[in-house]
C-alpha cells in the first residue's frame, strides 16, 4: 500500500508536468501525458470518485430508467439485494418521488411530470455557456459581499485541491481550516417565471428551527445541471433523510422493499437557517415548462429565472425581507450562485423592489467596528448582536472557561486574602489564568530568584504584565513597512497565530499578510516542537 501511494504521488507530479493543466482534451502528440493519464485512471480504478472511502457502486443517475429496466420493478430489485451503498439509497428516492401521495403532499401538478429523475443530465435541453464563474465572484467580492465556498475532502470528482486553486486565483484567503461538515414550517409548490409564466419552478421551503424571524434565509441549488434540489434536502443538509446505511462498520442495512420511511437528520442546517430548495434549471426535478420553447435554458437564463423566482417569492413572503439572505449550492451550481448574487446586487443598486437583504457585517460597518458613527444604526445593531453572541467567551482562548485575567494588577487580587497559599487552597484552579497567578508566588521566591541570578534588591514584587506602570510610548502604529522591506531583500518570515484567540485573531493576522501580497502556501496548524505546542 505504501508503495502504491508513493507511486501515485510520483504519477501526480508527472501528470502535472507533462499535461500542463490539460487532463481531458489532450493533444494526440502528447504521448507522455496520455500515458500518465492512463496509468492514473488504472490506479484509481475501483475507487468511488464521489467518496473515496465508500464502496464502489453504480451511480443512481443520470439514467435511472436503464437501471430500473434491468428488473421488472424497483421493488423486485430492492428485495433481491442488500443496500450497501449511498447510491443504493439514492435509488429509493425514485420510488418516493413517484408516489402519488408524496406528489400530492408536495403539490406537484398532476400530469406535469412523468417519471422523476434525480439528475436529468443529457435529457435536459440546457446549454452550458458559462465556462467560468470567477468574474462574478470577483465582482461580488469588490462590492463587499461574502462567499461561503466549501468542498468535500473525499471527493475526487470535484476535488478540494481544485477548489483551493481557484480561490487562490481570486486572491481570496482561507480564513478557516478546511473541515468536514459532519419538521415544522415546511412549504412546497410552484412559482411561475419567464414569458407568460411558462417556466414553473418547484421549490421546497423549510423554516429555521431556531428563530425564523431573524435567522438567515438561504436559497439552495443542486448541481448537474439538472439535479433536483431534493438531493440537497434528503441527502445533504435538510432536516429529513432516509434510513442511513451504516458506513462506519461497513454493515449495510437491510431493506425489505417496503416504502422507505423518512427520519430526522440531527445535523440539518435548518437548525440555524431557513432554506429554499429550488429545482433549477427548468426541467430539473419537479420544475417544468408549459411550452417546448420554454424548456430551452442556459446558465444566464436559469440565473435570471432564479432572480425572478426570488422577487415573486419575497413578495409572497414579505416577513422574510429583513432576514440576511444568501445564495448557496453544490457542484455545478457554483456557476449559477455568483451570477444570481450579481443579479441581486445589481437590482438592489438600481432600487428595484423588493430589496433583497443580501448583506454582511462588512458591508454595514465598512471596516469600522469600534468608533461607529451614531447614524450607522445597522452597524450598531450588528455590533451589539456580535457582542451578545461572544459574551461569556474567554477572548484569549475561546475553548476555555471565562475567568479573571491573571494581570494587570495582581496586587489587588493578592489583597483579597491573607496569602496566595490561602487563596489557592480555597478554590480549585479551573482556568489557565488561575495557574498564571501561581507565577507570582514562584517568581517572588528567594530560591527561584537566586537560581535565576536575579540581583537582590533590583526588583520588588514581580508582575506578569506591568503595562500601566511602564514608562513606554507606542509610536510605531504598523510594522508592515518593515516586513515589506525585509521581504524585498529576500528574508523569510515565520508568521503565526493562535486559532482560538479572539484578542489577536488569526483572521486579522491573515488580513495583514494579504496586505503584504504574501500567499499562504500551507494550511494553518499548531506549531509543535518536542511533543509540545510552540517551542
Protein backbone atom coordinates (compact mmCIF):
# COMPACT_ATOMS: atom_id res chain seq x y z
CA UNK A 1 0.00 0.00 0.00
CA UNK A 2 2.85 2.36 0.84
CA UNK A 3 4.50 1.58 -2.48
CA UNK A 4 1.23 2.25 -4.36
CA UNK A 5 0.74 5.55 -2.55
CA UNK A 6 4.26 6.71 -3.36
CA UNK A 7 3.73 5.64 -6.97
CA UNK A 8 0.52 7.66 -7.12
CA UNK A 9 2.24 10.73 -5.71
CA UNK A 10 5.06 10.46 -8.25
CA UNK A 11 2.49 9.95 -11.01
CA UNK A 12 0.59 13.05 -9.88
CA UNK A 13 3.68 15.21 -10.27
CA UNK A 14 4.38 13.62 -13.66
CA UNK A 15 0.82 14.37 -14.77
CA UNK A 16 1.16 17.97 -13.69
CA UNK A 17 4.48 18.35 -15.50
CA UNK A 18 3.59 16.59 -18.76
CA UNK A 19 -0.05 17.63 -19.18
CA UNK A 20 0.46 21.28 -18.21
CA UNK A 21 -3.01 21.58 -16.69
CA UNK A 22 -4.91 19.93 -19.57
CA UNK A 23 -6.04 16.46 -18.46
CA UNK A 24 -9.06 15.83 -20.71
CA UNK A 25 -8.70 17.34 -24.19
CA UNK A 26 -5.15 16.02 -24.53
CA UNK A 27 -3.29 16.66 -27.79
CA UNK A 28 -2.69 13.34 -29.65
CA UNK A 29 1.04 14.08 -29.88
CA UNK A 30 1.44 14.48 -26.12
CA UNK A 31 2.15 10.79 -25.55
CA UNK A 32 3.71 11.36 -22.14
CA UNK A 33 0.51 12.97 -20.88
CA UNK A 34 -1.61 10.21 -22.45
CA UNK A 35 0.46 7.53 -20.68
CA UNK A 36 0.33 9.34 -17.35
CA UNK A 37 -3.44 9.79 -17.63
CA UNK A 38 -3.94 6.11 -18.49
CA UNK A 39 -1.81 4.99 -15.54
CA UNK A 40 -3.62 7.41 -13.26
CA UNK A 41 -7.04 6.04 -14.29
CA UNK A 42 -5.83 2.47 -13.71
CA UNK A 43 -4.59 3.28 -10.22
CA UNK A 44 -7.92 4.88 -9.31
CA UNK A 45 -9.96 2.01 -10.72
CA UNK A 46 -12.27 0.53 -8.11
CA UNK A 47 -12.47 3.78 -6.14
CA UNK A 48 -15.76 5.64 -5.73
CA UNK A 49 -14.96 9.04 -7.21
CA UNK A 50 -17.54 10.99 -5.22
CA UNK A 51 -16.50 9.45 -1.90
CA UNK A 52 -13.21 7.56 -1.94
CA UNK A 53 -13.81 5.91 1.46
CA UNK A 54 -17.10 4.26 0.45
CA UNK A 55 -17.68 1.06 -1.58
CA UNK A 56 -17.55 1.24 -5.38
CA UNK A 57 -21.15 1.31 -6.62
CA UNK A 58 -23.23 2.11 -9.68
CA UNK A 59 -24.34 5.73 -9.68
CA UNK A 60 -28.08 6.34 -9.31
CA UNK A 61 -28.26 8.81 -12.21
CA UNK A 62 -28.42 10.39 -14.76
CA UNK A 63 -30.19 7.45 -16.49
CA UNK A 64 -32.14 5.59 -13.81
CA UNK A 65 -34.52 4.13 -16.43
CA UNK A 66 -31.81 1.83 -17.73
CA UNK A 67 -31.03 0.72 -14.21
CA UNK A 68 -34.68 0.14 -13.36
CA UNK A 69 -35.27 -1.65 -16.66
CA UNK A 70 -32.81 -4.37 -15.72
CA UNK A 71 -35.50 -5.75 -13.40
CA UNK A 72 -39.27 -5.88 -13.60
CA UNK A 73 -39.72 -3.31 -10.84
CA UNK A 74 -37.88 -1.26 -8.30
CA UNK A 75 -39.49 -3.29 -5.54
CA UNK A 76 -38.16 -6.55 -7.00
CA UNK A 77 -34.64 -5.16 -7.28
CA UNK A 78 -34.67 -3.95 -3.70
CA UNK A 79 -35.91 -7.33 -2.44
CA UNK A 80 -33.08 -9.13 -4.23
CA UNK A 81 -30.15 -7.27 -2.76
CA UNK A 82 -28.81 -5.58 0.30
CA UNK A 83 -28.47 -1.82 0.19
CA UNK A 84 -24.76 -1.45 0.76
CA UNK A 85 -24.02 1.89 -0.91
CA UNK A 86 -25.02 5.52 -0.69
CA UNK A 87 -26.23 5.31 -4.29
CA UNK A 88 -28.45 2.34 -3.46
CA UNK A 89 -30.32 4.52 -1.01
CA UNK A 90 -30.49 7.34 -3.52
CA UNK A 91 -32.28 4.96 -5.88
CA UNK A 92 -35.06 4.72 -3.30
CA UNK A 93 -35.73 8.41 -3.92
CA UNK A 94 -37.25 7.47 -7.30
CA UNK A 95 -39.72 5.22 -5.51
CA UNK A 96 -40.56 8.04 -3.11
CA UNK A 97 -40.77 10.90 -5.63
CA UNK A 98 -43.08 8.95 -7.98
CA UNK A 99 -45.54 8.01 -5.26
CA UNK A 100 -48.95 9.66 -5.80
CA UNK A 101 -49.38 10.54 -2.13
CA UNK A 102 -45.95 12.16 -1.97
CA UNK A 103 -46.64 14.20 -5.10
CA UNK A 104 -49.98 15.29 -3.72
CA UNK A 105 -48.36 16.38 -0.44
CA UNK A 106 -45.74 18.35 -2.40
CA UNK A 107 -48.43 20.00 -4.58
CA UNK A 108 -46.90 18.60 -7.77
CA UNK A 109 -49.38 19.30 -10.56
CA UNK A 110 -50.87 16.03 -11.80
CA UNK A 111 -49.68 15.14 -15.30
CA UNK A 112 -46.97 17.82 -15.46
CA UNK A 113 -44.09 15.43 -14.72
CA UNK A 114 -43.60 11.83 -15.79
CA UNK A 115 -41.09 9.67 -14.02
CA UNK A 116 -38.99 11.79 -11.65
CA UNK A 117 -35.26 11.90 -12.28
CA UNK A 118 -32.76 12.82 -9.61
CA UNK A 119 -30.47 14.16 -12.33
CA UNK A 120 -31.95 14.78 -15.78
CA UNK A 121 -28.47 15.04 -17.28
CA UNK A 122 -28.35 14.52 -21.06
CA UNK A 123 -32.15 14.62 -21.37
CA UNK A 124 -32.25 18.31 -20.45
CA UNK A 125 -32.23 20.86 -23.30
CA UNK A 126 -29.82 23.07 -21.42
CA UNK A 127 -26.71 24.77 -22.73
CA UNK A 128 -23.59 25.34 -20.67
CA UNK A 129 -22.43 28.72 -21.93
CA UNK A 130 -20.58 30.00 -18.86
CA UNK A 131 -17.17 28.37 -18.71
CA UNK A 132 -16.01 30.22 -15.64
CA UNK A 133 -17.87 31.92 -12.76
CA UNK A 134 -14.73 33.59 -11.33
CA UNK A 135 -15.53 37.07 -12.78
CA UNK A 136 -18.87 37.04 -10.95
CA UNK A 137 -17.21 36.06 -7.67
CA UNK A 138 -14.58 38.77 -8.12
CA UNK A 139 -17.21 41.44 -8.84
CA UNK A 140 -19.29 40.48 -5.80
CA UNK A 141 -16.18 40.46 -3.61
CA UNK A 142 -15.30 44.01 -4.68
CA UNK A 143 -18.81 45.07 -3.65
CA UNK A 144 -18.28 43.68 -0.16
CA UNK A 145 -20.38 40.52 -0.36
CA UNK A 146 -19.08 37.41 1.35
CA UNK A 147 -18.92 33.92 -0.13
CA UNK A 148 -19.05 30.55 1.59
CA UNK A 149 -17.02 28.17 -0.58
CA UNK A 150 -16.92 24.57 0.56
CA UNK A 151 -15.65 21.26 -0.74
CA UNK A 152 -15.62 17.58 0.19
CA UNK A 153 -12.21 16.24 1.12
CA UNK A 154 -13.11 12.68 -0.02
CA UNK A 155 -14.39 13.77 -3.44
CA UNK A 156 -12.14 13.23 -6.47
CA UNK A 157 -14.80 14.37 -8.96
CA UNK A 158 -14.71 17.96 -7.65
CA UNK A 159 -11.54 17.80 -5.53
CA UNK A 160 -10.93 20.34 -2.80
CA UNK A 161 -7.44 20.98 -4.18
CA UNK A 162 -9.01 22.42 -7.33
CA UNK A 163 -11.40 24.48 -5.21
CA UNK A 164 -8.46 25.91 -3.29
CA UNK A 165 -6.63 26.61 -6.55
CA UNK A 166 -9.36 28.82 -7.97
CA UNK A 167 -9.84 30.52 -4.60
CA UNK A 168 -6.17 31.50 -4.82
CA UNK A 169 -6.76 32.80 -8.34
CA UNK A 170 -9.32 35.21 -6.84
CA UNK A 171 -6.70 36.41 -4.38
CA UNK A 172 -9.04 35.36 -1.60
CA UNK A 173 -7.57 33.80 1.52
CA UNK A 174 -8.65 30.78 3.55
CA UNK A 175 -9.69 32.31 6.87
CA UNK A 176 -10.55 28.98 8.47
CA UNK A 177 -9.20 25.47 8.06
CA UNK A 178 -10.99 23.13 5.67
CA UNK A 179 -13.11 20.77 7.72
CA UNK A 180 -15.87 18.14 7.30
CA UNK A 181 -19.41 19.11 7.68
CA UNK A 182 -20.02 16.19 9.66
CA UNK A 183 -40.37 19.42 10.53
CA UNK A 184 -42.39 22.05 11.02
CA UNK A 185 -42.84 25.15 8.86
CA UNK A 186 -42.32 23.33 5.53
CA UNK A 187 -43.94 24.53 2.30
CA UNK A 188 -43.62 23.16 -1.23
CA UNK A 189 -45.08 24.38 -4.50
CA UNK A 190 -44.51 26.32 -7.71
CA UNK A 191 -43.74 29.85 -8.83
CA UNK A 192 -44.06 30.78 -12.49
CA UNK A 193 -41.32 32.80 -14.23
CA UNK A 194 -40.38 33.71 -17.77
CA UNK A 195 -42.71 34.83 -20.57
CA UNK A 196 -46.33 34.25 -19.52
CA UNK A 197 -45.03 32.21 -16.57
CA UNK A 198 -44.28 29.36 -18.97
CA UNK A 199 -41.47 28.18 -16.70
CA UNK A 200 -42.82 26.65 -13.49
CA UNK A 201 -40.12 26.33 -10.84
CA UNK A 202 -40.66 23.91 -7.99
CA UNK A 203 -39.36 24.72 -4.53
CA UNK A 204 -39.36 23.31 -1.02
CA UNK A 205 -39.24 25.87 1.79
CA UNK A 206 -38.27 24.96 5.36
CA UNK A 207 -38.27 27.41 8.23
CA UNK A 208 -35.37 27.60 10.65
CA UNK A 209 -35.82 25.57 13.80
CA UNK A 210 -34.23 28.33 15.89
CA UNK A 211 -35.57 31.81 15.15
CA UNK A 212 -37.03 32.06 11.64
CA UNK A 213 -37.87 35.73 12.15
CA UNK A 214 -34.20 36.69 12.25
CA UNK A 215 -32.14 33.65 11.15
CA UNK A 216 -30.54 33.70 7.69
CA UNK A 217 -32.56 32.64 4.65
CA UNK A 218 -30.66 30.54 2.09
CA UNK A 219 -31.55 29.66 -1.49
CA UNK A 220 -30.07 26.21 -2.14
CA UNK A 221 -29.34 24.84 -5.62
CA UNK A 222 -28.06 21.39 -6.57
CA UNK A 223 -25.58 20.91 -9.41
CA UNK A 224 -25.66 18.87 -12.56
CA UNK A 225 -27.01 20.91 -14.21
CA UNK A 226 -30.27 19.04 -13.88
CA UNK A 227 -30.02 17.53 -10.39
CA UNK A 228 -33.05 18.06 -8.19
CA UNK A 229 -32.71 20.20 -5.09
CA UNK A 230 -34.39 17.36 -3.21
CA UNK A 231 -30.94 15.76 -3.29
CA UNK A 232 -29.75 18.55 -1.01
CA UNK A 233 -32.86 18.21 1.11
CA UNK A 234 -32.74 14.43 1.54
CA UNK A 235 -29.04 13.53 1.29
CA UNK A 236 -27.05 16.56 2.34
CA UNK A 237 -28.24 19.38 4.58
CA UNK A 238 -32.01 19.05 5.00
CA UNK A 239 -33.96 18.07 8.14
CA UNK A 240 -35.17 14.73 6.75
CA UNK A 241 -33.43 11.78 5.16
CA UNK A 242 -33.87 8.09 4.53
CA UNK A 243 -32.74 5.45 6.98
CA UNK A 244 -28.94 5.71 6.62
CA UNK A 245 -26.52 2.98 5.63
CA UNK A 246 -24.10 2.12 8.44
CA UNK A 247 -20.89 3.19 6.70
CA UNK A 248 -18.77 3.25 9.83
CA UNK A 249 -18.51 -0.52 10.33
CA UNK A 250 -19.38 -1.36 6.71
CA UNK A 251 -22.51 -3.25 7.76
CA UNK A 252 -25.11 -2.43 5.12
CA UNK A 253 -28.66 -2.03 6.36
CA UNK A 254 -31.34 -4.49 5.27
CA UNK A 255 -34.23 -3.22 3.15
CA UNK A 256 -37.43 -5.24 2.88
CA UNK A 257 -38.85 -3.49 -0.17
CA UNK A 258 -41.50 -1.51 1.67
CA UNK A 259 -41.98 2.25 1.28
CA UNK A 260 -38.88 3.68 2.91
CA UNK A 261 -39.62 5.85 5.91
CA UNK A 262 -38.01 9.25 6.44
CA UNK A 263 -36.06 10.03 9.57
CA UNK A 264 -34.92 13.31 11.07
CA UNK A 265 -31.38 14.46 10.32
CA UNK A 266 -29.78 15.62 13.59
CA UNK A 267 -27.17 17.62 11.66
CA UNK A 268 -29.57 19.61 9.49
CA UNK A 269 -28.61 23.16 8.62
CA UNK A 270 -32.21 24.20 9.22
CA UNK A 271 -31.37 24.27 12.91
CA UNK A 272 -29.86 27.71 12.31
CA UNK A 273 -31.29 28.93 8.99
CA UNK A 274 -34.36 28.82 6.75
CA UNK A 275 -33.91 27.19 3.33
CA UNK A 276 -35.49 27.38 -0.11
CA UNK A 277 -34.56 24.22 -2.05
CA UNK A 278 -35.15 25.16 -5.71
CA UNK A 279 -35.31 22.81 -8.71
CA UNK A 280 -33.30 24.78 -11.28
CA UNK A 281 -32.95 24.96 -14.27
CA UNK A 282 -36.36 24.28 -15.78
CA UNK A 283 -36.81 20.56 -16.38
CA UNK A 284 -34.96 19.67 -13.20
CA UNK A 285 -36.77 17.60 -10.59
CA UNK A 286 -40.36 18.83 -10.38
CA UNK A 287 -39.80 22.04 -12.34
CA UNK A 288 -41.31 22.05 -15.83
CA UNK A 289 -42.14 24.21 -18.86
CA UNK A 290 -45.55 24.80 -20.39
CA UNK A 291 -44.13 25.09 -23.92
CA UNK A 292 -41.29 23.43 -25.79
CA UNK A 293 -39.61 26.80 -26.27
CA UNK A 294 -39.68 27.49 -22.54
CA UNK A 295 -37.75 24.27 -21.88
CA UNK A 296 -34.67 25.77 -23.52
CA UNK A 297 -32.31 27.26 -20.94
CA UNK A 298 -28.70 28.20 -20.23
CA UNK A 299 -26.57 29.46 -17.35
CA UNK A 300 -27.63 33.09 -17.69
CA UNK A 301 -31.28 32.34 -18.34
CA UNK A 302 -31.51 29.91 -15.43
CA UNK A 303 -29.93 32.51 -13.17
CA UNK A 304 -32.43 35.10 -14.39
CA UNK A 305 -35.24 32.63 -13.71
CA UNK A 306 -33.94 32.23 -10.16
CA UNK A 307 -33.85 36.01 -9.75
CA UNK A 308 -37.44 36.32 -10.97
CA UNK A 309 -38.40 33.49 -8.63
CA UNK A 310 -36.89 35.29 -5.66
CA UNK A 311 -38.71 38.53 -6.39
CA UNK A 312 -42.05 36.72 -6.54
CA UNK A 313 -41.26 34.58 -3.51
CA UNK A 314 -40.34 37.59 -1.38
CA UNK A 315 -43.47 39.44 -2.50
CA UNK A 316 -45.47 36.49 -1.17
CA UNK A 317 -43.34 36.12 1.99
CA UNK A 318 -42.54 39.68 2.98
CA UNK A 319 -41.96 38.65 6.59
CA UNK A 320 -38.52 37.39 5.42
CA UNK A 321 -37.42 40.58 3.67
CA UNK A 322 -35.32 41.67 6.65
CA UNK A 323 -33.59 38.31 7.11
CA UNK A 324 -29.97 38.03 5.93
CA UNK A 325 -30.14 36.29 2.56
CA UNK A 326 -27.57 34.00 0.93
CA UNK A 327 -27.38 32.05 -2.32
CA UNK A 328 -25.71 28.64 -2.00
CA UNK A 329 -25.34 25.34 -3.78
CA UNK A 330 -23.03 22.49 -4.67
CA UNK A 331 -21.22 21.08 -7.69
CA UNK A 332 -22.15 22.76 -10.99
CA UNK A 333 -24.43 25.24 -9.24
CA UNK A 334 -21.20 27.04 -8.39
CA UNK A 335 -21.64 28.61 -11.82
CA UNK A 336 -25.09 29.98 -11.07
CA UNK A 337 -24.63 31.02 -7.46
CA UNK A 338 -22.41 34.08 -8.12
CA UNK A 339 -24.44 35.06 -11.18
CA UNK A 340 -27.67 35.08 -9.17
CA UNK A 341 -25.91 37.02 -6.43
CA UNK A 342 -24.70 39.51 -9.04
CA UNK A 343 -28.25 39.98 -10.33
CA UNK A 344 -29.49 40.59 -6.78
CA UNK A 345 -26.72 43.10 -6.09
CA UNK A 346 -27.39 44.94 -9.35
CA UNK A 347 -31.11 45.04 -8.65
CA UNK A 348 -30.57 46.41 -5.17
CA UNK A 349 -28.25 49.11 -6.52
CA UNK A 350 -30.93 50.14 -9.03
CA UNK A 351 -33.53 50.38 -6.27
CA UNK A 352 -35.70 47.55 -7.60
CA UNK A 353 -38.37 46.27 -5.23
CA UNK A 354 -38.44 44.21 -3.19
CA UNK A 355 -34.98 44.91 -1.79
CA UNK A 356 -33.34 41.52 -1.13
CA UNK A 357 -31.22 41.64 2.00
CA UNK A 358 -28.00 40.21 0.55
CA UNK A 359 -25.72 41.65 3.20
CA UNK A 360 -22.84 41.12 5.63
CA UNK A 361 -21.32 42.77 8.69
CA UNK A 362 -18.51 44.09 6.50
CA UNK A 363 -20.94 45.87 4.18
CA UNK A 364 -22.79 47.57 7.03
CA UNK A 365 -19.79 48.63 9.11
CA UNK A 366 -17.39 49.33 6.20
CA UNK A 367 -14.41 48.18 8.29
CA UNK A 368 -15.11 50.41 11.33
CA UNK A 369 -16.28 48.27 14.26
CA UNK A 370 -15.34 50.42 17.28
CA UNK A 371 -15.73 54.17 16.67
CA UNK A 372 -19.06 53.66 14.94
CA UNK A 373 -20.96 56.73 13.79
CA UNK A 374 -24.28 57.09 15.62
CA UNK A 375 -26.16 57.42 12.33
CA UNK A 376 -24.99 53.96 11.22
CA UNK A 377 -27.74 52.08 13.06
CA UNK A 378 -27.26 48.89 11.03
CA UNK A 379 -23.63 48.64 12.12
CA UNK A 380 -24.51 49.48 15.73
CA UNK A 381 -27.12 46.72 15.74
CA UNK A 382 -24.70 44.24 14.18
CA UNK A 383 -22.01 45.13 16.72
CA UNK A 384 -24.49 44.77 19.61
CA UNK A 385 -25.60 41.36 18.32
CA UNK A 386 -21.97 40.32 17.88
CA UNK A 387 -21.09 41.37 21.45
CA UNK A 388 -24.06 39.42 22.80
CA UNK A 389 -23.03 36.30 20.90
CA UNK A 390 -19.44 36.33 22.18
CA UNK A 391 -20.42 37.26 25.74
CA UNK A 392 -19.15 34.64 28.16
CA UNK A 393 -16.34 33.50 25.86
CA UNK A 394 -12.78 33.69 27.08
CA UNK A 395 -11.29 36.03 24.43
CA UNK A 396 -7.74 34.77 24.84
CA UNK A 397 -8.72 31.11 24.46
CA UNK A 398 -12.30 30.65 23.33
CA UNK A 399 -12.44 26.94 24.25
CA UNK A 400 -11.54 27.56 27.90
CA UNK A 401 -13.68 28.89 30.79
CA UNK A 402 -14.14 32.65 31.07
CA UNK A 403 -12.03 33.71 34.05
CA UNK A 404 -10.47 36.73 35.69
CA UNK A 405 -7.28 37.65 33.86
CA UNK A 406 -4.04 36.94 35.73
CA UNK A 407 -2.85 40.55 35.37
CA UNK A 408 -2.60 43.65 35.05
CA UNK A 409 -2.86 44.46 38.78
CA UNK A 410 -2.21 41.31 40.77
CA UNK A 411 -1.69 43.32 43.98
CA UNK A 412 -5.43 43.89 44.32
CA UNK A 413 -6.04 40.20 43.78
CA UNK A 414 -3.45 39.33 46.44
CA UNK A 415 -5.08 41.68 48.93
CA UNK A 416 -8.33 39.77 48.91
CA UNK A 417 -6.74 37.04 51.04
CA UNK A 418 -4.01 36.90 53.65
CA UNK A 419 -1.74 34.89 51.39
CA UNK A 420 -1.54 33.34 47.98
CA UNK A 421 -1.41 29.90 49.60
CA UNK A 422 -4.72 30.51 51.38
CA UNK A 423 -6.33 31.67 48.14
CA UNK A 424 -5.19 28.59 46.24
CA UNK A 425 -6.44 26.24 48.95
CA UNK A 426 -9.84 27.99 48.99
CA UNK A 427 -10.85 27.07 45.45
CA UNK A 428 -9.87 24.77 42.63
CA UNK A 429 -7.67 26.02 39.81
CA UNK A 430 -10.01 25.71 36.88
CA UNK A 431 -8.58 28.27 34.45
CA UNK A 432 -5.38 28.97 32.58
CA UNK A 433 -5.25 32.35 34.32
CA UNK A 434 -5.54 30.74 37.75
CA UNK A 435 -2.34 28.90 37.01
CA UNK A 436 -0.76 32.08 35.70
CA UNK A 437 -1.41 33.66 39.09
CA UNK A 438 0.80 30.99 40.61
CA UNK A 439 3.67 32.55 38.68
CA UNK A 440 3.67 35.46 41.14
CA UNK A 441 4.24 33.06 44.03
CA UNK A 442 7.04 31.36 42.13
CA UNK A 443 8.80 34.50 40.79
CA UNK A 444 8.95 36.13 44.23
CA UNK A 445 10.53 33.11 45.90
CA UNK A 446 14.11 33.81 47.04
CA UNK A 447 15.47 30.44 45.90
CA UNK A 448 13.98 30.88 42.48
CA UNK A 449 15.42 34.35 42.14
CA UNK A 450 18.78 33.09 43.23
CA UNK A 451 18.70 30.27 40.70
CA UNK A 452 17.76 32.78 38.03
CA UNK A 453 20.60 35.10 39.07
CA UNK A 454 18.21 37.94 39.85
CA UNK A 455 20.16 40.69 41.53
CA UNK A 456 18.96 41.07 45.08
CA UNK A 457 17.04 44.29 45.63
CA UNK A 458 16.81 45.18 41.94
CA UNK A 459 13.21 44.04 41.61
CA UNK A 460 10.33 44.42 44.03
CA UNK A 461 7.17 42.39 43.59
CA UNK A 462 7.16 40.66 40.24
CA UNK A 463 4.33 41.44 37.78
CA UNK A 464 3.35 39.32 34.84
CA UNK A 465 2.11 42.41 32.98
CA UNK A 466 3.19 45.85 34.07
CA UNK A 467 1.69 47.76 31.20
CA UNK A 468 0.09 50.64 33.10
CA UNK A 469 3.17 51.26 35.23
CA UNK A 470 5.70 51.14 32.43
CA UNK A 471 7.13 54.40 31.04
CA UNK A 472 6.79 53.31 27.46
CA UNK A 473 5.41 55.13 24.40
CA UNK A 474 3.84 53.37 21.42
CA UNK A 475 4.97 55.40 18.42
CA UNK A 476 5.04 52.75 15.65
CA UNK A 477 1.49 52.10 14.51
CA UNK A 478 2.30 49.39 11.96
CA UNK A 479 5.19 47.03 11.32
CA UNK A 480 4.03 46.20 7.83
CA UNK A 481 6.55 48.51 6.08
CA UNK A 482 9.33 46.67 7.85
CA UNK A 483 8.04 43.29 6.76
CA UNK A 484 7.69 44.54 3.21
CA UNK A 485 11.24 45.88 3.19
CA UNK A 486 12.71 42.65 4.52
CA UNK A 487 10.72 40.63 2.04
CA UNK A 488 12.08 42.66 -0.86
CA UNK A 489 15.57 41.92 0.40
CA UNK A 490 14.91 38.18 0.33
CA UNK A 491 14.48 37.49 4.03
CA UNK A 492 11.85 34.97 5.05
CA UNK A 493 9.24 35.47 7.77
CA UNK A 494 7.53 33.00 10.06
CA UNK A 495 4.14 34.50 10.88
CA UNK A 496 1.97 32.51 13.27
CA UNK A 497 -1.25 32.99 15.16
CA UNK A 498 -3.46 31.19 17.68
CA UNK A 499 -6.65 29.90 16.12
CA UNK A 500 -8.58 30.10 19.43
CA UNK A 501 -7.57 33.68 20.21
CA UNK A 502 -10.14 36.47 19.78
CA UNK A 503 -7.91 39.17 21.23
CA UNK A 504 -5.35 38.88 18.44
CA UNK A 505 -7.38 36.79 16.00
CA UNK A 506 -5.69 34.82 13.29
CA UNK A 507 -8.10 36.22 10.70
CA UNK A 508 -6.56 39.64 11.34
CA UNK A 509 -3.13 38.10 11.01
CA UNK A 510 -4.12 36.70 7.66
CA UNK A 511 -5.58 40.05 6.65
CA UNK A 512 -2.33 41.91 7.08
CA UNK A 513 -0.42 39.06 5.47
CA UNK A 514 -2.63 39.62 2.44
CA UNK A 515 -1.73 43.31 2.53
CA UNK A 516 1.90 42.23 2.03
CA UNK A 517 0.82 40.29 -1.05
CA UNK A 518 2.21 37.13 0.51
CA UNK A 519 0.42 33.85 -0.06
CA UNK A 520 -0.41 31.01 2.31
CA UNK A 521 1.49 28.04 0.91
CA UNK A 522 0.48 25.59 3.62
CA UNK A 523 -2.51 25.17 5.93
CA UNK A 524 -2.52 26.85 9.32
CA UNK A 525 -1.68 24.33 12.03
CA UNK A 526 -0.41 24.14 15.63
CA UNK A 527 3.33 24.64 15.97
CA UNK A 528 4.56 21.58 17.86
CA UNK A 529 8.16 21.06 18.97
CA UNK A 530 9.15 18.04 21.04
CA UNK A 531 5.51 16.99 21.55
CA UNK A 532 4.70 20.43 22.95
CA UNK A 533 2.89 23.31 21.34
CA UNK A 534 5.26 26.18 20.46
CA UNK A 535 8.98 25.85 21.12
